């Protein structure tokens, strides 16, 4: 769109230059038309003044009449050129107005695009911040996971130690029970012997 705006700017400048170039020609044609009109008025004055002496000045009057006709033809041609230049100027002005309108619309679109760009940039920055927060949360979760893994390892180690201790205690308990049975047996025998109830 920047290239389109530059192209439209160049076209507007080109049209303005053409309108400015046509303006001197239009002014020159107007000046020449006024000059020819003044000349025509002057010749008509001479023609009217010489009517009284028409017979004596017939050749001059005919010459002046031809000059008047030629000047009228030139004046008509200049008027046509002036009308053409005026039409061209109006057409160029209309084109210039259209280009100015298109330029205004492009500027409005550019402003809207800039606003959209700012909104997208703000959204991107917000997403970037959210992404960084998610990354930080992910790192925290990874750290927590590693800590949980370490704690789990410690728990398994403690579990193994407890199982080992339980096995040792179970062995000691079984040994104590066996010793108790033996002691109970010896005590019973001793007591029976003491009461003379044990067969000799």
C-alpha atoms as a PDB file:
ATOM      1  CA  UNK A   1       0.000   0.000   0.000  1.00  0.00           C
ATOM      2  CA  UNK A   2       2.964   2.326   0.553  1.00  0.00           C
ATOM      3  CA  UNK A   3       3.916   1.861  -3.107  1.00  0.00           C
ATOM      4  CA  UNK A   4       0.300   2.558  -4.163  1.00  0.00           C
ATOM      5  CA  UNK A   5       0.261   5.754  -2.069  1.00  0.00           C
ATOM      6  CA  UNK A   6       3.577   6.876  -3.599  1.00  0.00           C
ATOM      7  CA  UNK A   7       2.217   6.169  -7.094  1.00  0.00           C
ATOM      8  CA  UNK A   8      -0.935   8.186  -6.394  1.00  0.00           C
ATOM      9  CA  UNK A   9       1.166  11.053  -4.979  1.00  0.00           C
ATOM     10  CA  UNK A  10       3.276  11.039  -8.156  1.00  0.00           C
ATOM     11  CA  UNK A  11       0.176  10.997 -10.364  1.00  0.00           C
ATOM     12  CA  UNK A  12      -1.388  13.870  -8.398  1.00  0.00           C
ATOM     13  CA  UNK A  13       1.826  15.908  -8.742  1.00  0.00           C
ATOM     14  CA  UNK A  14       1.939  15.120 -12.472  1.00  0.00           C
ATOM     15  CA  UNK A  15      -1.675  16.236 -12.947  1.00  0.00           C
ATOM     16  CA  UNK A  16      -1.020  19.415 -10.977  1.00  0.00           C
ATOM     17  CA  UNK A  17       2.014  20.179 -13.149  1.00  0.00           C
ATOM     18  CA  UNK A  18      -0.083  19.659 -16.284  1.00  0.00           C
ATOM     19  CA  UNK A  19      -2.813  21.962 -14.926  1.00  0.00           C
ATOM     20  CA  UNK A  20      -0.201  24.580 -14.053  1.00  0.00           C
ATOM     21  CA  UNK A  21       1.344  24.193 -17.538  1.00  0.00           C
ATOM     22  CA  UNK A  22      -2.093  24.686 -19.132  1.00  0.00           C
ATOM     23  CA  UNK A  23      -2.786  27.817 -17.075  1.00  0.00           C
ATOM     24  CA  UNK A  24      -0.253  30.065 -18.925  1.00  0.00           C
ATOM     25  CA  UNK A  25      -1.611  28.893 -22.277  1.00  0.00           C
ATOM     26  CA  UNK A  26      -5.132  29.641 -21.126  1.00  0.00           C
ATOM     27  CA  UNK A  27      -4.089  33.080 -19.915  1.00  0.00           C
ATOM     28  CA  UNK A  28      -2.192  33.725 -23.171  1.00  0.00           C
ATOM     29  CA  UNK A  29      -5.213  32.668 -25.212  1.00  0.00           C
ATOM     30  CA  UNK A  30      -7.393  34.952 -23.087  1.00  0.00           C
ATOM     31  CA  UNK A  31      -4.962  37.822 -23.585  1.00  0.00           C
ATOM     32  CA  UNK A  32      -4.743  37.232 -27.315  1.00  0.00           C
ATOM     33  CA  UNK A  33      -8.517  36.921 -27.512  1.00  0.00           C
ATOM     34  CA  UNK A  34      -8.887  40.254 -25.706  1.00  0.00           C
ATOM     35  CA  UNK A  35      -6.280  41.780 -27.994  1.00  0.00           C
ATOM     36  CA  UNK A  36      -8.061  40.480 -31.076  1.00  0.00           C
ATOM     37  CA  UNK A  37     -11.368  41.734 -29.736  1.00  0.00           C
ATOM     38  CA  UNK A  38      -9.839  45.184 -29.175  1.00  0.00           C
ATOM     39  CA  UNK A  39      -8.377  45.124 -32.660  1.00  0.00           C
ATOM     40  CA  UNK A  40     -11.745  44.066 -34.035  1.00  0.00           C
ATOM     41  CA  UNK A  41     -13.470  46.894 -32.173  1.00  0.00           C
ATOM     42  CA  UNK A  42     -10.884  49.325 -33.483  1.00  0.00           C
ATOM     43  CA  UNK A  43     -11.303  48.099 -37.035  1.00  0.00           C
ATOM     44  CA  UNK A  44     -15.045  48.256 -36.719  1.00  0.00           C
ATOM     45  CA  UNK A  45     -14.681  51.864 -35.556  1.00  0.00           C
ATOM     46  CA  UNK A  46     -12.563  52.664 -38.567  1.00  0.00           C
ATOM     47  CA  UNK A  47     -15.030  50.848 -40.761  1.00  0.00           C
ATOM     48  CA  UNK A  48     -17.971  52.854 -39.396  1.00  0.00           C
ATOM     49  CA  UNK A  49     -16.031  56.121 -39.731  1.00  0.00           C
ATOM     50  CA  UNK A  50     -15.110  55.329 -43.312  1.00  0.00           C
ATOM     51  CA  UNK A  51     -18.686  54.531 -44.395  1.00  0.00           C
ATOM     52  CA  UNK A  52     -19.259  58.226 -45.184  1.00  0.00           C
ATOM     53  CA  UNK A  53     -16.471  58.083 -47.723  1.00  0.00           C
ATOM     54  CA  UNK A  54     -17.236  54.607 -48.992  1.00  0.00           C
ATOM     55  CA  UNK A  55     -16.839  55.293 -52.667  1.00  0.00           C
ATOM     56  CA  UNK A  56     -13.444  56.872 -52.241  1.00  0.00           C
ATOM     57  CA  UNK A  57     -12.216  54.321 -49.722  1.00  0.00           C
ATOM     58  CA  UNK A  58     -13.906  51.183 -51.080  1.00  0.00           C
ATOM     59  CA  UNK A  59     -10.649  49.379 -51.669  1.00  0.00           C
ATOM     60  CA  UNK A  60      -9.496  50.184 -48.163  1.00  0.00           C
ATOM     61  CA  UNK A  61     -12.836  49.134 -46.701  1.00  0.00           C
ATOM     62  CA  UNK A  62     -12.771  45.839 -48.607  1.00  0.00           C
ATOM     63  CA  UNK A  63      -9.237  45.250 -47.375  1.00  0.00           C
ATOM     64  CA  UNK A  64     -10.284  46.064 -43.861  1.00  0.00           C
ATOM     65  CA  UNK A  65     -13.356  43.833 -44.234  1.00  0.00           C
ATOM     66  CA  UNK A  66     -11.102  40.944 -45.258  1.00  0.00           C
ATOM     67  CA  UNK A  67      -8.889  41.721 -42.281  1.00  0.00           C
ATOM     68  CA  UNK A  68     -11.949  41.790 -40.036  1.00  0.00           C
ATOM     69  CA  UNK A  69     -13.087  38.424 -41.400  1.00  0.00           C
ATOM     70  CA  UNK A  70      -9.654  36.986 -40.901  1.00  0.00           C
ATOM     71  CA  UNK A  71      -9.510  38.374 -37.369  1.00  0.00           C
ATOM     72  CA  UNK A  72     -12.991  37.023 -36.668  1.00  0.00           C
ATOM     73  CA  UNK A  73     -11.880  33.612 -37.910  1.00  0.00           C
ATOM     74  CA  UNK A  74      -8.790  33.840 -35.733  1.00  0.00           C
ATOM     75  CA  UNK A  75     -10.906  35.021 -32.827  1.00  0.00           C
ATOM     76  CA  UNK A  76     -13.305  32.095 -33.292  1.00  0.00           C
ATOM     77  CA  UNK A  77     -10.335  29.734 -33.454  1.00  0.00           C
ATOM     78  CA  UNK A  78      -8.899  31.258 -30.303  1.00  0.00           C
ATOM     79  CA  UNK A  79     -12.280  31.053 -28.606  1.00  0.00           C
ATOM     80  CA  UNK A  80     -12.453  27.380 -29.552  1.00  0.00           C
ATOM     81  CA  UNK A  81      -8.941  26.853 -28.245  1.00  0.00           C
ATOM     82  CA  UNK A  82      -9.875  28.695 -25.088  1.00  0.00           C
ATOM     83  CA  UNK A  83     -12.989  26.527 -24.644  1.00  0.00           C
ATOM     84  CA  UNK A  84     -10.916  23.403 -25.267  1.00  0.00           C
ATOM     85  CA  UNK A  85      -8.303  24.495 -22.747  1.00  0.00           C
ATOM     86  CA  UNK A  86     -11.049  25.347 -20.247  1.00  0.00           C
ATOM     87  CA  UNK A  87     -12.608  21.900 -20.783  1.00  0.00           C
ATOM     88  CA  UNK A  88      -9.171  20.275 -20.367  1.00  0.00           C
ATOM     89  CA  UNK A  89      -8.582  22.298 -17.210  1.00  0.00           C
ATOM     90  CA  UNK A  90     -11.997  21.254 -15.851  1.00  0.00           C
ATOM     91  CA  UNK A  91     -11.263  17.642 -16.732  1.00  0.00           C
ATOM     92  CA  UNK A  92      -7.829  17.800 -15.092  1.00  0.00           C
ATOM     93  CA  UNK A  93      -9.390  19.484 -12.074  1.00  0.00           C
ATOM     94  CA  UNK A  94     -11.981  16.701 -11.807  1.00  0.00           C
ATOM     95  CA  UNK A  95      -9.200  14.121 -12.093  1.00  0.00           C
ATOM     96  CA  UNK A  96      -7.239  16.020  -9.457  1.00  0.00           C
ATOM     97  CA  UNK A  97     -10.286  16.071  -7.157  1.00  0.00           C
ATOM     98  CA  UNK A  98     -10.760  12.330  -7.649  1.00  0.00           C
ATOM     99  CA  UNK A  99      -7.107  11.714  -6.901  1.00  0.00           C
ATOM    100  CA  UNK A 100      -7.299  13.925  -3.834  1.00  0.00           C
ATOM    101  CA  UNK A 101     -10.356  11.962  -2.663  1.00  0.00           C
ATOM    102  CA  UNK A 102      -8.557   8.665  -3.320  1.00  0.00           C
ATOM    103  CA  UNK A 103      -5.524  10.023  -1.502  1.00  0.00           C
ATOM    104  CA  UNK A 104      -7.705  10.945   1.479  1.00  0.00           C
ATOM    105  CA  UNK A 105      -9.233   7.457   1.498  1.00  0.00           C
ATOM    106  CA  UNK A 106      -5.768   5.916   1.312  1.00  0.00           C
ATOM    107  CA  UNK A 107      -4.594   8.089   4.188  1.00  0.00           C
ATOM    108  CA  UNK A 108      -7.639   7.010   6.209  1.00  0.00           C
ATOM    109  CA  UNK A 109      -6.896   3.376   5.348  1.00  0.00           C
ATOM    110  CA  UNK A 110      -3.270   3.931   6.320  1.00  0.00           C
ATOM    111  CA  UNK A 111      -4.353   5.380   9.678  1.00  0.00           C
ATOM    112  CA  UNK A 112      -6.628   2.374  10.208  1.00  0.00           C
ATOM    113  CA  UNK A 113      -3.784   0.031   9.267  1.00  0.00           C
ATOM    114  CA  UNK A 114      -1.460   1.805  11.676  1.00  0.00           C
ATOM    115  CA  UNK A 115      -4.078   1.513  14.435  1.00  0.00           C
ATOM    116  CA  UNK A 116      -4.501  -2.186  13.601  1.00  0.00           C
ATOM    117  CA  UNK A 117      -0.721  -2.575  13.595  1.00  0.00           C
ATOM    118  CA  UNK A 118      -0.519  -0.986  17.056  1.00  0.00           C
ATOM    119  CA  UNK A 119      -3.309  -3.261  18.296  1.00  0.00           C
ATOM    120  CA  UNK A 120      -1.579  -6.328  16.832  1.00  0.00           C
ATOM    121  CA  UNK A 121       1.705  -5.205  18.349  1.00  0.00           C
ATOM    122  CA  UNK A 122       0.042  -4.763  21.760  1.00  0.00           C
ATOM    123  CA  UNK A 123      -1.588  -8.194  21.369  1.00  0.00           C
ATOM    124  CA  UNK A 124       1.768  -9.680  20.377  1.00  0.00           C
ATOM    125  CA  UNK A 125       3.438  -8.100  23.405  1.00  0.00           C
ATOM    126  CA  UNK A 126       0.642  -9.468  25.615  1.00  0.00           C
ATOM    127  CA  UNK A 127       1.062 -12.918  24.065  1.00  0.00           C
ATOM    128  CA  UNK A 128       4.820 -12.618  24.499  1.00  0.00           C
ATOM    129  CA  UNK A 129       4.341 -11.753  28.179  1.00  0.00           C
ATOM    130  CA  UNK A 130       1.906 -14.668  28.563  1.00  0.00           C
ATOM    131  CA  UNK A 131       4.395 -16.938  26.804  1.00  0.00           C
ATOM    132  CA  UNK A 132       7.148 -15.823  29.168  1.00  0.00           C
ATOM    133  CA  UNK A 133       4.839 -16.404  32.145  1.00  0.00           C
ATOM    134  CA  UNK A 134       3.998 -19.868  30.787  1.00  0.00           C
ATOM    135  CA  UNK A 135       7.690 -20.578  30.327  1.00  0.00           C
ATOM    136  CA  UNK A 136       8.365 -19.458  33.904  1.00  0.00           C
ATOM    137  CA  UNK A 137       5.471 -21.641  35.118  1.00  0.00           C
ATOM    138  CA  UNK A 138       6.832 -24.529  33.038  1.00  0.00           C
ATOM    139  CA  UNK A 139      10.257 -24.076  34.607  1.00  0.00           C
ATOM    140  CA  UNK A 140       8.651 -23.983  38.052  1.00  0.00           C
ATOM    141  CA  UNK A 141       6.714 -27.161  37.225  1.00  0.00           C
ATOM    142  CA  UNK A 142       9.908 -28.818  35.978  1.00  0.00           C
ATOM    143  CA  UNK A 143      11.676 -27.783  39.185  1.00  0.00           C
ATOM    144  CA  UNK A 144       8.754 -29.077  41.257  1.00  0.00           C
ATOM    145  CA  UNK A 145       8.787 -32.303  39.223  1.00  0.00           C
ATOM    146  CA  UNK A 146      12.511 -32.738  39.851  1.00  0.00           C
ATOM    147  CA  UNK A 147      11.975 -32.049  43.563  1.00  0.00           C
ATOM    148  CA  UNK A 148       9.097 -34.557  43.596  1.00  0.00           C
ATOM    149  CA  UNK A 149      11.293 -37.085  41.786  1.00  0.00           C
ATOM    150  CA  UNK A 150      14.021 -36.499  44.385  1.00  0.00           C
ATOM    151  CA  UNK A 151      11.471 -36.779  47.213  1.00  0.00           C
ATOM    152  CA  UNK A 152      10.108 -39.926  45.624  1.00  0.00           C
ATOM    153  CA  UNK A 153      13.605 -41.365  45.513  1.00  0.00           C
ATOM    154  CA  UNK A 154      14.093 -40.438  49.141  1.00  0.00           C
ATOM    155  CA  UNK A 155      10.731 -42.043  49.975  1.00  0.00           C
ATOM    156  CA  UNK A 156      11.719 -45.236  48.168  1.00  0.00           C
ATOM    157  CA  UNK A 157      15.043 -45.218  50.018  1.00  0.00           C
ATOM    158  CA  UNK A 158      13.230 -44.707  53.316  1.00  0.00           C
ATOM    159  CA  UNK A 159      10.770 -47.450  52.316  1.00  0.00           C
ATOM    160  CA  UNK A 160      13.642 -49.838  51.583  1.00  0.00           C
ATOM    161  CA  UNK A 161      15.290 -48.891  54.879  1.00  0.00           C
ATOM    162  CA  UNK A 162      11.991 -49.455  56.695  1.00  0.00           C
ATOM    163  CA  UNK A 163      11.581 -52.830  55.010  1.00  0.00           C
ATOM    164  CA  UNK A 164      15.124 -53.760  56.001  1.00  0.00           C
ATOM    165  CA  UNK A 165      14.496 -52.551  59.554  1.00  0.00           C
ATOM    166  CA  UNK A 166      11.176 -54.457  59.590  1.00  0.00           C
ATOM    167  CA  UNK A 167      12.879 -57.630  58.424  1.00  0.00           C
ATOM    168  CA  UNK A 168      15.558 -57.185  61.075  1.00  0.00           C
ATOM    169  CA  UNK A 169      12.946 -56.551  63.770  1.00  0.00           C
ATOM    170  CA  UNK A 170      10.941 -59.535  62.566  1.00  0.00           C
ATOM    171  CA  UNK A 171      14.046 -61.702  62.833  1.00  0.00           C
ATOM    172  CA  UNK A 172      14.798 -60.391  66.298  1.00  0.00           C
ATOM    173  CA  UNK A 173      11.157 -60.917  67.289  1.00  0.00           C
ATOM    174  CA  UNK A 174      11.203 -64.504  66.018  1.00  0.00           C
ATOM    175  CA  UNK A 175      14.482 -65.096  67.852  1.00  0.00           C
ATOM    176  CA  UNK A 176      13.023 -63.627  71.052  1.00  0.00           C
ATOM    177  CA  UNK A 177       9.931 -65.837  70.710  1.00  0.00           C
ATOM    178  CA  UNK A 178      12.113 -68.886  70.242  1.00  0.00           C
ATOM    179  CA  UNK A 179      14.172 -67.932  73.280  1.00  0.00           C
ATOM    180  CA  UNK A 180      10.948 -67.307  75.239  1.00  0.00           C
ATOM    181  CA  UNK A 181       9.635 -70.745  74.288  1.00  0.00           C
ATOM    182  CA  UNK A 182      12.895 -72.261  75.395  1.00  0.00           C
ATOM    183  CA  UNK A 183      12.860 -70.311  78.643  1.00  0.00           C
ATOM    184  CA  UNK A 184       9.197 -71.199  79.219  1.00  0.00           C
ATOM    185  CA  UNK A 185      10.004 -74.826  78.681  1.00  0.00           C
ATOM    186  CA  UNK A 186      12.967 -74.764  81.048  1.00  0.00           C
ATOM    187  CA  UNK A 187      10.899 -72.866  83.599  1.00  0.00           C
ATOM    188  CA  UNK A 188       8.076 -75.420  83.399  1.00  0.00           C
ATOM    189  CA  UNK A 189      10.515 -78.319  83.794  1.00  0.00           C
ATOM    190  CA  UNK A 190      12.216 -76.593  86.699  1.00  0.00           C
ATOM    191  CA  UNK A 191       8.897 -75.858  88.352  1.00  0.00           C
ATOM    192  CA  UNK A 192       7.667 -79.441  87.903  1.00  0.00           C
ATOM    193  CA  UNK A 193      10.899 -80.731  89.301  1.00  0.00           C
ATOM    194  CA  UNK A 194      10.603 -78.343  92.173  1.00  0.00           C
ATOM    195  CA  UNK A 195       7.111 -79.614  92.900  1.00  0.00           C
ATOM    196  CA  UNK A 196       8.321 -83.167  92.387  1.00  0.00           C
ATOM    197  CA  UNK A 197       5.899 -83.601  89.587  1.00  0.00           C
ATOM    198  CA  UNK A 198       8.497 -84.221  86.911  1.00  0.00           C
ATOM    199  CA  UNK A 199       9.218 -87.926  86.461  1.00  0.00           C
ATOM    200  CA  UNK A 200      12.739 -88.809  87.626  1.00  0.00           C
END
